[in-house]
Amino acid sequence: MFTAYAQLGAAMALVGVNVAVAKLLAAALPIAMIAGLRCLLACLVLWPLARMMEGRVRPSAQALRNLAAQAALGTLLYNAALLTGLRHTTALEAGLVLATLPAVIALGSALWLRERLPPRQWAAAALAVSGMAAITLARLAGGGQAEGSLLGNALVFLAVCGEASYVLLAKRIAGRVPVITASFWMQAFSTALLLPFWLPFLGAARALAAPDLAGLLVFHSLTASVLCLLLWYAGLKRAPAGVAGVFTALLPAAAAVVAVALLGEAFRPMHAVGFALMLASIGLATWPRKKSPGE
């Protein structure tokens, strides 16, 4: 079980690290190009991996439509909103806003999939909203680019909504398409959707002649779109889903550590309050419930 926990923790930590990596990339390359090249590189890895591990699988037309919707919301909307938001806010605050994902998924499950939401899930959502309010107050208290940060945090939350929609759509075809095959098709649809947006900026690819920038893009693509997925699903094979959800707490933690240690961003007391509220939200949303005697 320790191996499964290590896989889950590593997956979420890599997602958090990629918040800072995405901020660095967004400062040097057009946003559409970052997302498009990331998806293209992921396809080049996922296609042979899917054939090798899952064989030749042909998803149904309904599954393909679902995967196309996942690409539009979980890739196009998520990356556009996240990368644009990171130009207006800090990687630290973006990581904290991303920590609202479990609560947003829980609310979406109740409102869209009609799943019964226990009272503690509503409490988790309230804590997540309080956490977002705390980090907004932290920016206002710090002075300076308050408007920019409010816009940036709102865009990152829009990215959260896109990612939550992706997760909810994935629930509808869970078990019908193998994981790596589904991921390949989603990345392929994402590449096609993004192509018209980044081809006009093809000249900007000259910046990738710099080895450090090219290395960051490859790292971003292979970890965020390939390695994180494989680690997460490998861990889920042995760890209970409720326990696995707790590991999402490592996302904002890793984003905060990288933002402070490598990007030199300031960590204020109100950030700590927001971080604590986010962690409490995650804990409430994912802590396994006690089974009744009849279960």
Foldseek 3Di string as FASTA:
>chain_A
DVLLVVLLLVLLLLLQLLLVLLLVLLVQFPLLVLLLVLLVLLLVVLPVVCCVPPNDDDADPVLLVLLLLLLVLLRVLLSVLSSVLSVLAFLLLLLLLLLCLLLLLLVCCCPPVVDDRDPLSVVLNVLSVVLNVLVLVVLVVVDDSSVSNVSSSVSSNSSSNSNSSSVVSCVVCPPVDDDSVSLSSSSVSNNVVSVVVCPVVVVSCVVCVPVVSVVSSSSSSCSNSPSSSVSNVVSCVPDPQLVSLLSNLSNSVSSNCCRCVPVVDDDDPSNVVSSVSSSSSSCSSRHDDDDDPVD
